[in-house]
N, C-alpha and C. Protein backbone atom coordinates (compact mmCIF):
# COMPACT_ATOMS: atom_id res chain seq x y z
N UNK A 1 40.14 61.60 15.34
CA UNK A 1 41.20 62.61 14.74
C UNK A 1 42.22 62.68 15.71
N UNK A 2 43.40 62.64 15.29
CA UNK A 2 44.58 62.75 15.96
C UNK A 2 45.40 63.91 15.55
N UNK A 3 45.90 64.74 16.39
CA UNK A 3 46.72 65.87 15.94
C UNK A 3 48.12 65.83 16.56
N UNK A 4 49.08 65.98 15.75
CA UNK A 4 50.50 65.94 16.26
C UNK A 4 50.92 67.38 15.87
N UNK A 5 51.35 68.30 16.81
CA UNK A 5 51.90 69.48 16.38
C UNK A 5 53.27 69.42 15.88
N UNK A 6 54.09 68.52 16.10
CA UNK A 6 55.43 68.35 15.50
C UNK A 6 55.74 66.85 15.45
N UNK A 7 56.64 66.50 14.51
CA UNK A 7 56.81 65.11 14.28
C UNK A 7 57.63 64.49 15.47
N UNK A 8 58.49 65.29 16.11
CA UNK A 8 59.38 64.63 17.17
C UNK A 8 58.65 64.98 18.58
N UNK A 9 58.12 63.90 19.23
CA UNK A 9 57.38 64.16 20.37
C UNK A 9 58.13 63.47 21.51
N UNK A 10 59.51 63.22 21.29
CA UNK A 10 60.22 62.56 22.45
C UNK A 10 60.39 63.57 23.64
N UNK A 11 60.52 63.06 24.88
CA UNK A 11 60.70 63.84 25.96
C UNK A 11 61.83 64.98 25.79
N UNK A 12 61.50 66.27 26.09
CA UNK A 12 62.38 67.36 25.84
C UNK A 12 62.23 67.96 24.63
N UNK A 13 61.45 67.47 23.64
CA UNK A 13 61.27 68.12 22.38
C UNK A 13 59.77 68.56 22.18
N UNK A 14 59.32 69.07 23.29
CA UNK A 14 57.89 69.43 23.23
C UNK A 14 57.66 70.84 22.59
N UNK A 15 56.30 71.03 22.41
CA UNK A 15 55.97 72.37 21.84
C UNK A 15 55.50 73.19 22.95
N UNK A 16 56.34 74.05 23.52
CA UNK A 16 56.02 74.69 24.66
C UNK A 16 55.37 76.03 24.60
N UNK A 17 54.56 76.51 25.52
CA UNK A 17 54.01 77.77 25.71
C UNK A 17 54.78 78.65 26.59
N UNK A 18 54.82 79.95 26.31
CA UNK A 18 55.41 80.95 27.17
C UNK A 18 54.46 81.09 28.35
N UNK A 19 54.87 81.24 29.47
CA UNK A 19 54.04 81.64 30.71
C UNK A 19 53.21 80.41 31.13
N UNK A 20 52.15 80.73 31.90
CA UNK A 20 51.37 79.59 32.50
C UNK A 20 50.04 79.31 31.78
N UNK A 21 49.84 80.09 30.71
CA UNK A 21 48.55 79.73 29.88
C UNK A 21 48.88 79.76 28.40
N UNK A 22 48.12 79.05 27.58
CA UNK A 22 48.35 79.10 26.09
C UNK A 22 47.09 78.75 25.47
N UNK A 23 46.92 78.92 24.10
CA UNK A 23 45.83 78.79 23.42
C UNK A 23 46.17 78.28 21.99
N UNK A 24 45.47 77.25 21.50
CA UNK A 24 45.77 76.61 20.16
C UNK A 24 44.51 76.75 19.56
N UNK A 25 44.61 77.15 18.16
CA UNK A 25 43.44 77.26 17.36
C UNK A 25 43.83 76.26 16.06
N UNK A 26 42.79 75.24 15.88
CA UNK A 26 43.11 74.21 14.88
C UNK A 26 41.90 74.47 13.92
N UNK A 27 42.12 74.82 12.67
CA UNK A 27 41.16 75.02 11.76
C UNK A 27 41.25 73.72 10.64
N UNK A 28 40.04 73.08 10.67
CA UNK A 28 39.94 71.79 9.91
C UNK A 28 39.40 72.12 8.46
N UNK A 29 39.63 71.47 7.46
CA UNK A 29 39.13 71.76 6.13
C UNK A 29 37.63 71.28 5.98
N UNK A 30 37.21 70.46 7.02
CA UNK A 30 35.91 69.85 6.83
C UNK A 30 35.20 69.89 8.29
N UNK A 31 33.88 69.88 8.37
CA UNK A 31 33.13 69.96 9.62
C UNK A 31 33.34 68.57 10.19
N UNK A 32 33.46 68.57 11.57
CA UNK A 32 33.55 67.41 12.29
C UNK A 32 32.76 67.52 13.52
N UNK A 33 32.35 66.38 14.16
CA UNK A 33 31.51 66.37 15.40
C UNK A 33 32.36 65.58 16.42
N UNK A 34 33.33 66.09 17.00
CA UNK A 34 34.14 65.43 18.04
C UNK A 34 33.36 64.92 19.20
N UNK A 35 33.85 63.77 19.72
CA UNK A 35 33.15 63.10 20.88
C UNK A 35 33.97 63.15 22.10
N UNK A 36 35.36 63.25 21.88
CA UNK A 36 36.32 63.24 23.07
C UNK A 36 37.60 63.86 22.64
N UNK A 37 38.38 64.25 23.61
CA UNK A 37 39.74 64.74 23.39
C UNK A 37 40.71 63.86 24.21
N UNK A 38 41.73 63.57 23.62
CA UNK A 38 42.80 62.71 24.29
C UNK A 38 43.94 63.59 24.51
N UNK A 39 44.47 63.65 25.70
CA UNK A 39 45.68 64.35 26.10
C UNK A 39 46.76 63.32 26.45
N UNK A 40 47.93 63.55 26.16
CA UNK A 40 48.97 62.81 26.47
C UNK A 40 50.22 63.69 26.87
N UNK A 41 50.87 63.27 28.00
CA UNK A 41 52.07 63.95 28.51
C UNK A 41 53.02 62.93 28.98
N UNK A 42 54.34 63.12 28.78
CA UNK A 42 55.28 62.11 29.38
C UNK A 42 55.05 61.67 30.74
N UNK A 43 55.12 60.44 30.94
CA UNK A 43 54.95 59.90 32.22
C UNK A 43 56.08 60.24 33.20
N UNK A 44 55.69 60.31 34.53
CA UNK A 44 56.82 60.46 35.52
C UNK A 44 57.79 59.48 35.56
N UNK A 45 57.50 58.28 34.98
CA UNK A 45 58.33 57.10 35.07
C UNK A 45 59.41 57.04 33.89
N UNK A 46 59.23 57.85 32.92
CA UNK A 46 60.01 58.03 31.81
C UNK A 46 61.32 58.76 32.17
N UNK A 47 62.52 58.24 31.81
CA UNK A 47 63.73 58.82 32.20
C UNK A 47 63.79 60.20 31.34
N UNK A 48 64.32 61.29 31.75
CA UNK A 48 64.83 61.34 33.10
C UNK A 48 63.74 61.59 34.20
N UNK A 49 63.78 60.83 35.27
CA UNK A 49 62.76 61.03 36.29
C UNK A 49 62.75 62.36 36.83
N UNK A 50 61.74 62.87 37.24
CA UNK A 50 61.64 64.20 38.07
C UNK A 50 60.32 64.87 37.65
N UNK A 51 60.38 66.19 37.62
CA UNK A 51 59.09 66.93 37.68
C UNK A 51 58.55 66.87 36.28
N UNK A 52 57.11 66.71 36.20
CA UNK A 52 56.41 67.00 35.07
C UNK A 52 55.39 68.17 35.38
N UNK A 53 56.00 69.22 35.80
CA UNK A 53 55.18 70.37 36.17
C UNK A 53 54.68 71.03 35.00
N UNK A 54 55.26 70.88 33.78
CA UNK A 54 54.75 71.42 32.54
C UNK A 54 53.58 70.72 31.95
N UNK A 55 53.12 69.71 32.50
CA UNK A 55 52.04 68.99 31.90
C UNK A 55 50.77 69.87 31.93
N UNK A 56 49.85 69.69 30.99
CA UNK A 56 48.72 70.52 30.85
C UNK A 56 47.85 70.25 32.06
N UNK A 57 47.12 71.08 32.55
CA UNK A 57 46.23 70.81 33.71
C UNK A 57 44.86 71.13 33.37
N UNK A 58 44.31 72.40 33.56
CA UNK A 58 42.93 72.73 33.36
C UNK A 58 42.68 73.14 31.79
N UNK A 59 41.94 72.44 31.19
CA UNK A 59 41.87 72.56 29.63
C UNK A 59 40.40 72.72 29.33
N UNK A 60 40.14 73.76 28.47
CA UNK A 60 38.88 73.99 27.83
C UNK A 60 38.94 73.74 26.36
N UNK A 61 37.89 73.12 25.88
CA UNK A 61 37.75 73.05 24.40
C UNK A 61 36.51 73.60 23.92
N UNK A 62 36.75 74.51 22.81
CA UNK A 62 35.64 75.11 22.15
C UNK A 62 35.58 74.78 20.73
N UNK A 63 34.40 74.95 20.20
CA UNK A 63 34.19 74.76 18.69
C UNK A 63 33.26 75.84 18.09
N UNK A 64 32.90 75.73 16.92
CA UNK A 64 31.95 76.63 16.30
C UNK A 64 30.66 75.81 16.12
N UNK A 65 29.45 76.37 16.46
CA UNK A 65 28.18 75.67 16.17
C UNK A 65 27.69 75.95 14.73
N UNK A 66 26.63 75.47 14.23
CA UNK A 66 26.02 75.69 13.01
C UNK A 66 26.19 77.11 12.58
N UNK A 67 25.86 78.04 13.46
CA UNK A 67 25.80 79.54 13.00
C UNK A 67 27.15 80.15 13.14
N UNK A 68 28.25 79.27 13.39
CA UNK A 68 29.69 79.89 13.33
C UNK A 68 29.92 80.64 14.59
N UNK A 69 29.18 80.33 15.57
CA UNK A 69 29.42 81.01 16.96
C UNK A 69 30.27 80.04 17.87
N UNK A 70 31.10 80.63 18.62
CA UNK A 70 32.04 79.84 19.61
C UNK A 70 31.12 79.32 20.62
N UNK A 71 31.26 77.83 20.88
CA UNK A 71 30.55 77.22 21.91
C UNK A 71 31.58 76.32 22.65
N UNK A 72 31.33 76.18 24.00
CA UNK A 72 32.22 75.46 24.87
C UNK A 72 31.71 74.02 24.77
N UNK A 73 32.67 73.14 24.32
CA UNK A 73 32.56 71.70 24.25
C UNK A 73 32.82 70.90 25.46
N UNK A 74 33.69 71.51 26.29
CA UNK A 74 33.92 70.73 27.56
C UNK A 74 35.21 71.37 28.18
N UNK A 75 35.18 71.18 29.49
CA UNK A 75 36.38 71.48 30.31
C UNK A 75 36.74 70.21 31.16
N UNK A 76 38.11 70.11 31.26
CA UNK A 76 38.59 68.94 32.13
C UNK A 76 39.93 69.23 32.67
N UNK A 77 40.33 68.43 33.63
CA UNK A 77 41.58 68.58 34.33
C UNK A 77 42.44 67.36 34.09
N UNK A 78 43.64 67.61 33.47
CA UNK A 78 44.52 66.51 33.19
C UNK A 78 45.26 66.33 34.60
N UNK A 79 45.28 64.97 34.89
CA UNK A 79 45.90 64.59 36.33
C UNK A 79 47.25 63.82 36.02
N UNK A 80 48.35 64.48 36.26
CA UNK A 80 49.74 63.90 36.08
C UNK A 80 49.90 62.69 36.83
N UNK A 81 49.14 62.50 37.82
CA UNK A 81 49.38 61.25 38.79
C UNK A 81 48.65 60.08 38.12
N UNK A 82 47.78 60.22 37.17
CA UNK A 82 47.24 59.14 36.45
C UNK A 82 48.00 58.74 35.31
N UNK A 83 47.31 57.81 34.43
CA UNK A 83 48.02 57.37 33.19
C UNK A 83 48.51 58.54 32.43
N UNK A 84 49.50 58.42 31.61
CA UNK A 84 49.99 59.53 30.69
C UNK A 84 49.07 59.84 29.56
N UNK A 85 48.20 58.84 29.13
CA UNK A 85 47.19 59.22 28.16
C UNK A 85 45.80 59.23 28.83
N UNK A 86 45.25 60.35 28.71
CA UNK A 86 43.91 60.45 29.34
C UNK A 86 42.74 60.92 28.37
N UNK A 87 41.61 60.32 28.29
CA UNK A 87 40.52 60.58 27.37
C UNK A 87 39.38 61.40 28.01
N UNK A 88 38.98 62.46 27.60
CA UNK A 88 37.87 63.30 28.19
C UNK A 88 36.79 63.39 27.16
N UNK A 89 35.49 62.89 27.49
CA UNK A 89 34.34 63.07 26.72
C UNK A 89 34.05 64.56 26.63
N UNK A 90 33.51 64.91 25.41
CA UNK A 90 32.94 66.27 25.23
C UNK A 90 31.50 66.22 25.13
N UNK A 91 30.76 67.47 25.36
CA UNK A 91 29.44 67.67 25.28
C UNK A 91 29.00 67.38 23.79
N UNK A 92 27.90 66.72 23.64
CA UNK A 92 27.37 66.25 22.40
C UNK A 92 26.54 67.34 21.76
């Protein structure tokens, strides 16, 4: 499953949060069993070169279990020094 929050994802056209924390709720029309989350942020090598301090860092992913209760599926840290696309496995 791939989510794009807006059609234009070129550098400088991002969907930004106010402040240092944010939360996104995605409601799907059908039940899924995700196995991983993929995060992508513009690379430091993409012009204009400079700071990518706005890249996501510490991320938690939650879902609803069979009883409709919130359950933590995984936590991970996006590393802006690594590849722009990073895949993080979730708890099964």
